[in-house]
C-alpha atoms as a PDB file:
ATOM      1  CA  MET A   1     -86.654-153.793  -1.919  1.00  0.00           C
ATOM      2  CA  PHE A   2     -88.438-152.959  -5.172  1.00  0.00           C
ATOM      3  CA  THR A   3     -87.927-155.641  -7.860  1.00  0.00           C
ATOM      4  CA  LYS A   4     -88.621-156.127 -11.552  1.00  0.00           C
ATOM      5  CA  ARG A   5     -88.215-159.382 -13.531  1.00  0.00           C
ATOM      6  CA  PHE A   6     -86.838-159.716 -17.029  1.00  0.00           C
ATOM      7  CA  GLU A   7     -86.127-162.502 -19.495  1.00  0.00           C
ATOM      8  CA  ILE A   8     -82.812-162.111 -21.325  1.00  0.00           C
ATOM      9  CA  ARG A   9     -83.457-161.817 -25.043  1.00  0.00           C
ATOM     10  CA  TRP A  10     -81.156-162.291 -28.011  1.00  0.00           C
ATOM     11  CA  ASN A  11     -80.716-158.538 -28.455  1.00  0.00           C
ATOM     12  CA  ASP A  12     -79.603-158.234 -24.783  1.00  0.00           C
ATOM     13  CA  LEU A  13     -76.397-160.186 -25.526  1.00  0.00           C
ATOM     14  CA  ASP A  14     -72.940-159.000 -26.534  1.00  0.00           C
ATOM     15  CA  ALA A  15     -70.299-160.689 -28.729  1.00  0.00           C
ATOM     16  CA  ASN A  16     -69.410-163.011 -25.813  1.00  0.00           C
ATOM     17  CA  MET A  17     -72.991-164.335 -25.874  1.00  0.00           C
ATOM     18  CA  HIS A  18     -73.741-163.188 -22.336  1.00  0.00           C
ATOM     19  CA  LEU A  19     -75.737-160.234 -21.005  1.00  0.00           C
ATOM     20  CA  ALA A  20     -74.161-157.056 -22.407  1.00  0.00           C
ATOM     21  CA  ASN A  21     -73.119-154.268 -20.062  1.00  0.00           C
ATOM     22  CA  SER A  22     -75.448-151.898 -21.967  1.00  0.00           C
ATOM     23  CA  SER A  23     -78.327-154.274 -21.197  1.00  0.00           C
ATOM     24  CA  TYR A  24     -77.594-154.057 -17.480  1.00  0.00           C
ATOM     25  CA  VAL A  25     -77.929-150.277 -17.798  1.00  0.00           C
ATOM     26  CA  ASN A  26     -81.202-150.611 -19.736  1.00  0.00           C
ATOM     27  CA  PHE A  27     -82.670-153.053 -17.193  1.00  0.00           C
ATOM     28  CA  MET A  28     -81.730-150.708 -14.334  1.00  0.00           C
ATOM     29  CA  SER A  29     -83.286-147.735 -16.115  1.00  0.00           C
ATOM     30  CA  HIS A  30     -86.505-149.680 -16.729  1.00  0.00           C
ATOM     31  CA  THR A  31     -86.568-150.763 -13.077  1.00  0.00           C
ATOM     32  CA  ARG A  32     -86.055-147.176 -11.876  1.00  0.00           C
ATOM     33  CA  MET A  33     -88.876-145.864 -14.039  1.00  0.00           C
ATOM     34  CA  ALA A  34     -91.203-148.620 -12.765  1.00  0.00           C
ATOM     35  CA  PHE A  35     -90.198-147.691  -9.212  1.00  0.00           C
ATOM     36  CA  PHE A  36     -90.799-143.989  -9.841  1.00  0.00           C
ATOM     37  CA  GLU A  37     -94.192-144.786 -11.385  1.00  0.00           C
ATOM     38  CA  GLU A  38     -95.204-146.741  -8.290  1.00  0.00           C
ATOM     39  CA  TYR A  39     -94.289-143.802  -6.038  1.00  0.00           C
ATOM     40  CA  GLY A  40     -96.084-141.024  -7.955  1.00  0.00           C
ATOM     41  CA  PHE A  41     -93.380-140.091 -10.462  1.00  0.00           C
ATOM     42  CA  SER A  42     -94.974-141.399 -13.666  1.00  0.00           C
ATOM     43  CA  LEU A  43     -93.673-139.978 -16.943  1.00  0.00           C
ATOM     44  CA  HIS A  44     -96.907-137.990 -17.221  1.00  0.00           C
ATOM     45  CA  GLU A  45     -96.532-136.607 -13.697  1.00  0.00           C
ATOM     46  CA  ILE A  46     -92.895-135.545 -14.004  1.00  0.00           C
ATOM     47  CA  ALA A  47     -93.559-134.047 -17.459  1.00  0.00           C
ATOM     48  CA  LYS A  48     -96.374-132.011 -15.882  1.00  0.00           C
ATOM     49  CA  HIS A  49     -93.723-130.517 -13.574  1.00  0.00           C
ATOM     50  CA  ASP A  50     -91.163-130.110 -16.422  1.00  0.00           C
ATOM     51  CA  LEU A  51     -88.784-132.589 -14.760  1.00  0.00           C
ATOM     52  CA  ALA A  52     -86.556-135.402 -15.938  1.00  0.00           C
ATOM     53  CA  PRO A  53     -84.334-137.755 -13.940  1.00  0.00           C
ATOM     54  CA  ILE A  54     -80.657-137.742 -14.904  1.00  0.00           C
ATOM     55  CA  VAL A  55     -77.814-140.095 -13.988  1.00  0.00           C
ATOM     56  CA  PHE A  56     -74.429-138.828 -12.778  1.00  0.00           C
ATOM     57  CA  TYR A  57     -72.858-142.272 -12.603  1.00  0.00           C
ATOM     58  CA  GLU A  58     -73.546-145.983 -12.473  1.00  0.00           C
ATOM     59  CA  HIS A  59     -70.758-148.143 -11.025  1.00  0.00           C
ATOM     60  CA  ILE A  60     -71.456-151.744 -11.962  1.00  0.00           C
ATOM     61  CA  TYR A  61     -69.740-154.773 -10.450  1.00  0.00           C
ATOM     62  CA  TYR A  62     -70.196-158.069 -12.324  1.00  0.00           C
ATOM     63  CA  PHE A  63     -70.054-161.362 -10.404  1.00  0.00           C
ATOM     64  CA  LYS A  64     -71.503-164.021 -12.719  1.00  0.00           C
ATOM     65  CA  GLU A  65     -72.639-164.314 -16.334  1.00  0.00           C
ATOM     66  CA  ALA A  66     -76.262-164.352 -17.481  1.00  0.00           C
ATOM     67  CA  HIS A  67     -77.354-165.875 -20.793  1.00  0.00           C
ATOM     68  CA  ILE A  68     -80.186-165.880 -23.293  1.00  0.00           C
ATOM     69  CA  GLY A  69     -83.454-167.193 -21.865  1.00  0.00           C
ATOM     70  CA  ASP A  70     -82.357-166.682 -18.256  1.00  0.00           C
ATOM     71  CA  LEU A  71     -84.818-164.947 -15.976  1.00  0.00           C
ATOM     72  CA  ILE A  72     -83.240-162.219 -13.892  1.00  0.00           C
ATOM     73  CA  THR A  73     -84.608-160.031 -11.136  1.00  0.00           C
ATOM     74  CA  VAL A  74     -83.375-156.462 -10.784  1.00  0.00           C
ATOM     75  CA  GLY A  75     -83.648-154.994  -7.312  1.00  0.00           C
ATOM     76  CA  LEU A  76     -83.675-151.337  -6.344  1.00  0.00           C
ATOM     77  CA  GLU A  77     -82.988-149.859  -2.919  1.00  0.00           C
ATOM     78  CA  VAL A  78     -83.023-146.139  -2.154  1.00  0.00           C
ATOM     79  CA  THR A  79     -79.692-145.436  -0.454  1.00  0.00           C
ATOM     80  CA  GLY A  80     -79.869-141.646  -0.381  1.00  0.00           C
ATOM     81  CA  LEU A  81     -81.999-138.574  -0.957  1.00  0.00           C
ATOM     82  CA  SER A  82     -81.187-134.898  -0.434  1.00  0.00           C
ATOM     83  CA  GLU A  83     -83.404-132.832   1.856  1.00  0.00           C
ATOM     84  CA  ASP A  84     -84.850-130.960  -1.134  1.00  0.00           C
ATOM     85  CA  GLY A  85     -85.166-134.126  -3.260  1.00  0.00           C
ATOM     86  CA  MET A  86     -82.751-132.863  -5.936  1.00  0.00           C
ATOM     87  CA  PHE A  87     -80.275-135.739  -5.517  1.00  0.00           C
ATOM     88  CA  PHE A  88     -81.015-139.447  -5.130  1.00  0.00           C
ATOM     89  CA  SER A  89     -78.935-142.608  -4.961  1.00  0.00           C
ATOM     90  CA  PHE A  90     -79.963-146.188  -5.595  1.00  0.00           C
ATOM     91  CA  ASP A  91     -78.355-149.595  -5.289  1.00  0.00           C
ATOM     92  CA  HIS A  92     -79.354-152.123  -7.916  1.00  0.00           C
ATOM     93  CA  ASN A  93     -78.750-155.829  -7.493  1.00  0.00           C
ATOM     94  CA  PHE A  94     -79.215-158.424 -10.215  1.00  0.00           C
ATOM     95  CA  TYR A  95     -80.282-161.947  -9.251  1.00  0.00           C
ATOM     96  CA  ASP A  96     -80.472-165.117 -11.312  1.00  0.00           C
ATOM     97  CA  GLY A  97     -83.453-167.491 -11.215  1.00  0.00           C
ATOM     98  CA  LYS A  98     -82.089-169.123  -8.043  1.00  0.00           C
ATOM     99  CA  GLY A  99     -81.710-165.807  -6.209  1.00  0.00           C
ATOM    100  CA  LYS A 100     -77.923-165.675  -6.601  1.00  0.00           C
ATOM    101  CA  ASN A 101     -76.529-162.123  -6.814  1.00  0.00           C
ATOM    102  CA  ILE A 102     -74.877-161.834 -10.250  1.00  0.00           C
ATOM    103  CA  ALA A 103     -74.185-158.066 -10.365  1.00  0.00           C
ATOM    104  CA  HIS A 104     -74.376-154.931  -8.227  1.00  0.00           C
ATOM    105  CA  CYS A 105     -74.609-151.254  -9.171  1.00  0.00           C
ATOM    106  CA  GLU A 106     -74.368-148.021  -7.215  1.00  0.00           C
ATOM    107  CA  MET A 107     -75.921-145.057  -8.998  1.00  0.00           C
ATOM    108  CA  LEU A 108     -76.328-141.372  -8.270  1.00  0.00           C
ATOM    109  CA  GLY A 109     -78.861-139.169 -10.002  1.00  0.00           C
ATOM    110  CA  ALA A 110     -80.705-135.877  -9.806  1.00  0.00           C
ATOM    111  CA  TRP A 111     -83.715-134.054 -11.199  1.00  0.00           C
ATOM    112  CA  MET A 112     -83.311-131.629 -14.082  1.00  0.00           C
ATOM    113  CA  SER A 113     -85.727-128.908 -15.189  1.00  0.00           C
ATOM    114  CA  PHE A 114     -86.760-129.203 -18.841  1.00  0.00           C
ATOM    115  CA  LYS A 115     -87.195-125.420 -18.967  1.00  0.00           C
ATOM    116  CA  THR A 116     -83.836-124.310 -17.543  1.00  0.00           C
ATOM    117  CA  ARG A 117     -81.805-127.472 -18.320  1.00  0.00           C
ATOM    118  CA  LYS A 118     -80.367-127.150 -14.802  1.00  0.00           C
ATOM    119  CA  LEU A 119     -80.631-129.263 -11.674  1.00  0.00           C
ATOM    120  CA  THR A 120     -83.685-128.537  -9.592  1.00  0.00           C
ATOM    121  CA  HIS A 121     -85.298-129.524  -6.319  1.00  0.00           C
ATOM    122  CA  LEU A 122     -88.642-131.277  -6.043  1.00  0.00           C
ATOM    123  CA  ASN A 123     -91.738-129.230  -5.321  1.00  0.00           C
ATOM    124  CA  ASP A 124     -93.767-129.966  -2.166  1.00  0.00           C
ATOM    125  CA  GLU A 125     -96.134-132.357  -3.960  1.00  0.00           C
ATOM    126  CA  LEU A 126     -93.362-134.538  -5.387  1.00  0.00           C
ATOM    127  CA  MET A 127     -91.269-134.256  -2.223  1.00  0.00           C
ATOM    128  CA  ALA A 128     -94.204-135.775  -0.312  1.00  0.00           C
ATOM    129  CA  CYS A 129     -94.078-138.718  -2.748  1.00  0.00           C
ATOM    130  CA  ALA A 130     -90.283-139.030  -2.437  1.00  0.00           C
ATOM    131  CA  ASN A 131     -90.544-139.074   1.346  1.00  0.00           C
ATOM    132  CA  GLN A 132     -92.577-142.281   0.974  1.00  0.00           C
ATOM    133  CA  PHE A 133     -89.700-144.120  -0.758  1.00  0.00           C
ATOM    134  CA  PRO A 134     -88.651-147.188   1.224  1.00  0.00           C
ATOM    135  CA  LYS A 135     -85.108-146.603   2.428  1.00  0.00           C
ATOM    136  CA  SER A 136     -82.165-149.005   2.623  1.00  0.00           C
ATOM    137  CA  LYS A 137     -80.619-149.837   5.986  1.00  0.00           C
ATOM    138  CA  ASP A 138     -77.616-147.637   5.091  1.00  0.00           C
ATOM    139  CA  PHE A 139     -79.710-144.702   3.795  1.00  0.00           C
ATOM    140  CA  LYS A 140     -78.104-141.266   4.061  1.00  0.00           C
ATOM    141  CA  THR A 141     -79.193-137.694   3.450  1.00  0.00           C
ATOM    142  CA  LEU A 142     -77.310-136.530   0.364  1.00  0.00           C
ATOM    143  CA  THR A 143     -75.641-133.158  -0.145  1.00  0.00           C
ATOM    144  CA  LYS A 144     -74.099-131.513  -3.204  1.00  0.00           C
ATOM    145  CA  ALA A 145     -70.684-132.689  -1.937  1.00  0.00           C
ATOM    146  CA  ASP A 146     -71.813-136.304  -2.469  1.00  0.00           C
ATOM    147  CA  THR A 147     -71.990-135.632  -6.214  1.00  0.00           C
ATOM    148  CA  ARG A 148     -68.230-134.981  -6.264  1.00  0.00           C
ATOM    149  CA  LYS A 149     -67.013-137.659  -3.880  1.00  0.00           C
ATOM    150  CA  TYR A 150     -64.952-139.259  -6.665  1.00  0.00           C
ATOM    151  CA  GLN A 151     -63.420-135.888  -7.623  1.00  0.00           C
ATOM    152  CA  LYS A 152     -64.053-136.344 -11.350  1.00  0.00           C
ATOM    153  CA  HIS A 153     -64.107-133.148 -13.375  1.00  0.00           C
ATOM    154  CA  PRO A 154     -64.213-132.459 -17.123  1.00  0.00           C
ATOM    155  CA  VAL A 155     -60.887-132.322 -18.937  1.00  0.00           C
ATOM    156  CA  ASP A 156     -61.228-130.738 -22.377  1.00  0.00           C
ATOM    157  CA  LEU A 157     -59.182-131.515 -25.486  1.00  0.00           C
ATOM    158  CA  SER A 158     -56.705-128.882 -26.581  1.00  0.00           C
ATOM    159  CA  LEU A 159     -57.638-128.225 -30.194  1.00  0.00           C
END
């Protein structure tokens, strides 16, 4: 499991004086980018290929509060990757200073082309890097159908 440590700061809190849900999202994003960097997907490298990671969803489950000054560890496990590298899924776990699991998140993402603004697969060079990702024990090969497993679709306003 890839991990990153953080200290909870004043600006990470919400009105209830505990770690804000938006801060969980920010810590996961920071952890993912550190993970990508370690496996050859630095911001410079993905920009060179006109790519950007996007998030389809993040389902967060909260178990215990975290407060200002607490040290937390955010874990990342790769739970899925499509054969062409377009889609990826990660599990994030948050741990307090004693190693107790305080939150869990399941996320699904993909790669987008900056040029076309559409989803795209990884080229051979980046796919070789992605194939080096450590995989979770429940890793699965993702397909496009996995992006719609919750059957959520846009519903527009009638104006």
